[in-house]
Amino acid sequence: MSHKQINKTLILEGIFYGLDSIFYGILFSLLILFGTSKFMQIDSNMYLSKNLFEVPWLNIFISIIAIYIIIFWAIFSSKKKFINNNIIDEIENESI
């Protein structure tokens, strides 16, 4: 593979890992938030007509940005490791 193909592969892999982690992270966090808000409603005997659960859109947006910053930082730091070295030699050195 050429360096351009390796870069493209690493970036696509990072994007798909990010999408996967964002999907499951947001899904589970919203389920937990919804469950705790319902528990708080039942526990405090508050039977209000207004629903207490609101989706924290700003926090979700900030977490998506943070996840992609971390993923691309990991991609570019690992890419720097292999730029000047032969990939086969690096794999052999890591397996020892």
N, C-alpha and C. Protein backbone atom coordinates (compact mmCIF):
# COMPACT_ATOMS: atom_id res chain seq x y z
N MET A 1 0.83 -1.18 0.00
CA MET A 1 0.00 0.00 0.00
C MET A 1 0.88 1.25 0.00
N SER A 2 0.43 2.25 -0.68
CA SER A 2 1.16 3.51 -0.68
C SER A 2 0.79 4.31 0.57
N HIS A 3 1.55 5.37 0.82
CA HIS A 3 1.26 6.20 2.00
C HIS A 3 -0.12 6.86 1.89
N LYS A 4 -0.51 7.21 0.68
CA LYS A 4 -1.83 7.83 0.49
C LYS A 4 -2.95 6.84 0.82
N GLN A 5 -2.78 5.59 0.41
CA GLN A 5 -3.79 4.57 0.72
C GLN A 5 -3.83 4.26 2.21
N ILE A 6 -2.66 4.25 2.85
CA ILE A 6 -2.62 4.01 4.30
C ILE A 6 -3.31 5.15 5.04
N ASN A 7 -3.04 6.39 4.63
CA ASN A 7 -3.71 7.54 5.26
C ASN A 7 -5.22 7.45 5.10
N LYS A 8 -5.67 7.12 3.89
CA LYS A 8 -7.11 7.02 3.63
C LYS A 8 -7.73 5.92 4.48
N THR A 9 -7.05 4.78 4.58
CA THR A 9 -7.55 3.67 5.38
C THR A 9 -7.64 4.05 6.86
N LEU A 10 -6.60 4.70 7.37
CA LEU A 10 -6.61 5.11 8.79
C LEU A 10 -7.71 6.12 9.07
N ILE A 11 -7.90 7.07 8.18
CA ILE A 11 -8.94 8.08 8.39
C ILE A 11 -10.33 7.47 8.33
N LEU A 12 -10.57 6.60 7.35
CA LEU A 12 -11.88 5.94 7.27
C LEU A 12 -12.14 5.05 8.47
N GLU A 13 -11.11 4.36 8.93
CA GLU A 13 -11.25 3.53 10.12
C GLU A 13 -11.59 4.38 11.33
N GLY A 14 -10.94 5.53 11.47
CA GLY A 14 -11.23 6.43 12.58
C GLY A 14 -12.64 6.97 12.52
N ILE A 15 -13.09 7.33 11.32
CA ILE A 15 -14.46 7.84 11.17
C ILE A 15 -15.48 6.79 11.55
N PHE A 16 -15.27 5.54 11.11
CA PHE A 16 -16.24 4.49 11.43
C PHE A 16 -16.19 4.10 12.91
N TYR A 17 -14.99 4.08 13.52
CA TYR A 17 -14.92 3.84 14.96
C TYR A 17 -15.63 4.95 15.73
N GLY A 18 -15.46 6.19 15.27
CA GLY A 18 -16.13 7.32 15.92
C GLY A 18 -17.64 7.23 15.81
N LEU A 19 -18.13 6.92 14.61
CA LEU A 19 -19.58 6.79 14.43
C LEU A 19 -20.15 5.68 15.31
N ASP A 20 -19.43 4.57 15.37
CA ASP A 20 -19.89 3.45 16.18
C ASP A 20 -19.92 3.82 17.66
N SER A 21 -18.85 4.43 18.15
CA SER A 21 -18.82 4.78 19.57
C SER A 21 -19.82 5.88 19.90
N ILE A 22 -20.01 6.82 18.99
CA ILE A 22 -20.99 7.89 19.23
C ILE A 22 -22.40 7.32 19.26
N PHE A 23 -22.72 6.43 18.35
CA PHE A 23 -24.07 5.85 18.30
C PHE A 23 -24.39 5.12 19.60
N TYR A 24 -23.51 4.19 19.99
CA TYR A 24 -23.79 3.41 21.19
C TYR A 24 -23.69 4.25 22.46
N GLY A 25 -22.74 5.19 22.51
CA GLY A 25 -22.61 6.04 23.68
C GLY A 25 -23.81 6.93 23.90
N ILE A 26 -24.30 7.55 22.83
CA ILE A 26 -25.48 8.41 22.95
C ILE A 26 -26.72 7.59 23.26
N LEU A 27 -26.86 6.44 22.63
CA LEU A 27 -28.01 5.57 22.88
C LEU A 27 -28.08 5.17 24.36
N PHE A 28 -26.97 4.65 24.89
CA PHE A 28 -26.96 4.21 26.28
C PHE A 28 -27.11 5.37 27.25
N SER A 29 -26.48 6.50 26.96
CA SER A 29 -26.59 7.64 27.88
C SER A 29 -28.01 8.20 27.89
N LEU A 30 -28.68 8.25 26.75
CA LEU A 30 -30.06 8.73 26.73
C LEU A 30 -31.00 7.77 27.46
N LEU A 31 -30.75 6.47 27.30
CA LEU A 31 -31.56 5.49 28.05
C LEU A 31 -31.37 5.66 29.56
N ILE A 32 -30.14 5.86 29.98
CA ILE A 32 -29.87 6.04 31.41
C ILE A 32 -30.47 7.35 31.90
N LEU A 33 -30.34 8.42 31.13
CA LEU A 33 -30.93 9.70 31.53
C LEU A 33 -32.45 9.62 31.62
N PHE A 34 -33.06 8.96 30.64
CA PHE A 34 -34.51 8.82 30.65
C PHE A 34 -34.97 7.98 31.85
N GLY A 35 -34.24 6.89 32.11
CA GLY A 35 -34.59 6.04 33.24
C GLY A 35 -34.45 6.75 34.57
N THR A 36 -33.39 7.52 34.74
CA THR A 36 -33.22 8.24 36.00
C THR A 36 -34.23 9.36 36.16
N SER A 37 -34.61 10.00 35.05
CA SER A 37 -35.62 11.05 35.18
C SER A 37 -36.98 10.46 35.55
N LYS A 38 -37.32 9.31 34.99
CA LYS A 38 -38.57 8.65 35.36
C LYS A 38 -38.52 8.17 36.81
N PHE A 39 -37.37 7.67 37.25
CA PHE A 39 -37.21 7.22 38.62
C PHE A 39 -37.35 8.39 39.58
N MET A 40 -36.79 9.52 39.23
CA MET A 40 -36.90 10.70 40.09
C MET A 40 -38.34 11.19 40.16
N GLN A 41 -39.08 11.08 39.07
CA GLN A 41 -40.48 11.48 39.06
C GLN A 41 -41.30 10.59 39.97
N ILE A 42 -41.08 9.29 39.89
CA ILE A 42 -41.85 8.33 40.70
C ILE A 42 -41.43 8.43 42.16
N ASP A 43 -40.13 8.56 42.40
CA ASP A 43 -39.63 8.55 43.76
C ASP A 43 -40.08 9.77 44.56
N SER A 44 -40.16 10.91 43.93
CA SER A 44 -40.53 12.11 44.68
C SER A 44 -42.02 12.39 44.63
N ASN A 45 -42.80 11.47 44.11
CA ASN A 45 -44.25 11.60 44.00
C ASN A 45 -44.67 12.87 43.31
N MET A 46 -43.91 13.27 42.31
CA MET A 46 -44.26 14.46 41.53
C MET A 46 -45.00 13.99 40.28
N TYR A 47 -46.26 14.22 40.24
CA TYR A 47 -47.06 13.87 39.08
C TYR A 47 -47.40 15.15 38.34
N LEU A 48 -46.41 15.66 37.65
CA LEU A 48 -46.59 16.90 36.92
C LEU A 48 -47.04 16.59 35.50
N SER A 49 -47.73 17.52 34.92
CA SER A 49 -48.14 17.32 33.53
C SER A 49 -46.97 17.52 32.58
N LYS A 50 -45.94 18.25 33.02
CA LYS A 50 -44.78 18.49 32.17
C LYS A 50 -43.77 17.37 32.37
N ASN A 51 -43.20 16.92 31.27
CA ASN A 51 -42.18 15.89 31.33
C ASN A 51 -40.87 16.53 31.77
N LEU A 52 -40.17 15.90 32.70
CA LEU A 52 -38.92 16.45 33.22
C LEU A 52 -37.72 16.07 32.38
N PHE A 53 -37.88 15.20 31.42
CA PHE A 53 -36.73 14.74 30.62
C PHE A 53 -36.51 15.66 29.43
N GLU A 54 -35.30 16.16 29.31
CA GLU A 54 -34.90 16.97 28.16
C GLU A 54 -33.58 16.42 27.62
N VAL A 55 -33.44 16.37 26.32
CA VAL A 55 -32.22 15.87 25.70
C VAL A 55 -31.15 16.97 25.76
N PRO A 56 -29.98 16.66 26.32
CA PRO A 56 -28.91 17.67 26.43
C PRO A 56 -28.13 17.79 25.11
N TRP A 57 -28.66 18.54 24.16
CA TRP A 57 -28.08 18.62 22.82
C TRP A 57 -26.67 19.21 22.83
N LEU A 58 -26.43 20.22 23.65
CA LEU A 58 -25.11 20.84 23.69
C LEU A 58 -24.06 19.85 24.19
N ASN A 59 -24.39 19.09 25.22
CA ASN A 59 -23.46 18.09 25.75
C ASN A 59 -23.19 16.99 24.73
N ILE A 60 -24.19 16.60 23.98
CA ILE A 60 -24.01 15.60 22.95
C ILE A 60 -23.07 16.12 21.86
N PHE A 61 -23.28 17.36 21.45
CA PHE A 61 -22.43 17.96 20.42
C PHE A 61 -20.98 18.07 20.90
N ILE A 62 -20.78 18.48 22.13
CA ILE A 62 -19.42 18.60 22.69
C ILE A 62 -18.76 17.23 22.76
N SER A 63 -19.49 16.20 23.15
CA SER A 63 -18.91 14.86 23.23
C SER A 63 -18.55 14.32 21.85
N ILE A 64 -19.35 14.63 20.83
CA ILE A 64 -19.04 14.19 19.47
C ILE A 64 -17.74 14.84 19.00
N ILE A 65 -17.59 16.13 19.23
CA ILE A 65 -16.37 16.84 18.85
C ILE A 65 -15.16 16.26 19.60
N ALA A 66 -15.32 16.01 20.90
CA ALA A 66 -14.22 15.48 21.70
C ALA A 66 -13.81 14.09 21.24
N ILE A 67 -14.79 13.25 20.89
CA ILE A 67 -14.48 11.90 20.42
C ILE A 67 -13.66 11.96 19.14
N TYR A 68 -14.06 12.81 18.20
CA TYR A 68 -13.32 12.89 16.95
C TYR A 68 -11.95 13.52 17.12
N ILE A 69 -11.79 14.44 18.05
CA ILE A 69 -10.46 15.00 18.33
C ILE A 69 -9.54 13.90 18.86
N ILE A 70 -10.04 13.11 19.78
CA ILE A 70 -9.24 12.02 20.35
C ILE A 70 -8.91 10.97 19.30
N ILE A 71 -9.87 10.62 18.47
CA ILE A 71 -9.64 9.60 17.44
C ILE A 71 -8.62 10.08 16.42
N PHE A 72 -8.76 11.31 15.92
CA PHE A 72 -7.81 11.80 14.93
C PHE A 72 -6.43 12.05 15.53
N TRP A 73 -6.36 12.40 16.80
CA TRP A 73 -5.07 12.51 17.46
C TRP A 73 -4.39 11.15 17.51
N ALA A 74 -5.13 10.10 17.84
CA ALA A 74 -4.56 8.76 17.88
C ALA A 74 -4.13 8.30 16.48
N ILE A 75 -4.91 8.62 15.47
CA ILE A 75 -4.57 8.25 14.10
C ILE A 75 -3.27 8.93 13.67
N PHE A 76 -3.18 10.23 13.87
CA PHE A 76 -2.00 10.95 13.40
C PHE A 76 -0.76 10.62 14.22
N SER A 77 -0.92 10.31 15.49
CA SER A 77 0.26 9.90 16.27
C SER A 77 0.75 8.53 15.85
N SER A 78 -0.15 7.62 15.51
CA SER A 78 0.28 6.31 15.03
C SER A 78 0.84 6.40 13.61
N LYS A 79 0.30 7.35 12.83
CA LYS A 79 0.81 7.53 11.47
C LYS A 79 2.23 8.06 11.49
N LYS A 80 2.54 8.96 12.42
CA LYS A 80 3.90 9.49 12.54
C LYS A 80 4.90 8.39 12.87
N LYS A 81 4.43 7.40 13.59
CA LYS A 81 5.32 6.30 13.99
C LYS A 81 5.77 5.50 12.77
N PHE A 82 4.92 5.38 11.76
CA PHE A 82 5.23 4.54 10.62
C PHE A 82 5.70 5.30 9.38
N ILE A 83 5.77 6.62 9.43
CA ILE A 83 6.13 7.39 8.24
C ILE A 83 7.55 7.07 7.77
N ASN A 84 8.51 7.13 8.67
CA ASN A 84 9.90 6.94 8.27
C ASN A 84 10.37 5.50 8.38
N ASN A 85 9.58 4.64 8.94
CA ASN A 85 9.99 3.26 9.16
C ASN A 85 9.22 2.32 8.26
N ASN A 86 9.77 1.15 8.08
CA ASN A 86 9.10 0.11 7.32
C ASN A 86 8.06 -0.55 8.22
N ILE A 87 6.86 -0.73 7.72
CA ILE A 87 5.76 -1.28 8.54
C ILE A 87 6.06 -2.72 8.95
N ILE A 88 6.64 -3.50 8.05
CA ILE A 88 6.96 -4.91 8.36
C ILE A 88 7.96 -4.98 9.51
N ASP A 89 8.98 -4.11 9.49
CA ASP A 89 9.96 -4.10 10.58
C ASP A 89 9.32 -3.70 11.90
N GLU A 90 8.40 -2.75 11.86
CA GLU A 90 7.73 -2.31 13.09
C GLU A 90 6.86 -3.42 13.67
N ILE A 91 6.18 -4.16 12.80
CA ILE A 91 5.34 -5.28 13.29
C ILE A 91 6.20 -6.36 13.89
N GLU A 92 7.35 -6.66 13.27
CA GLU A 92 8.25 -7.68 13.82
C GLU A 92 8.81 -7.24 15.16
N ASN A 93 9.14 -5.95 15.31
CA ASN A 93 9.67 -5.46 16.57
C ASN A 93 8.63 -5.48 17.68
N GLU A 94 7.37 -5.21 17.35
CA GLU A 94 6.32 -5.23 18.37
C GLU A 94 5.96 -6.63 18.81
N SER A 95 6.12 -7.62 17.94
CA SER A 95 5.73 -8.98 18.30
C SER A 95 6.78 -9.66 19.17
N ILE A 96 7.96 -9.08 19.27
CA ILE A 96 9.03 -9.71 20.08
C ILE A 96 8.86 -9.39 21.52
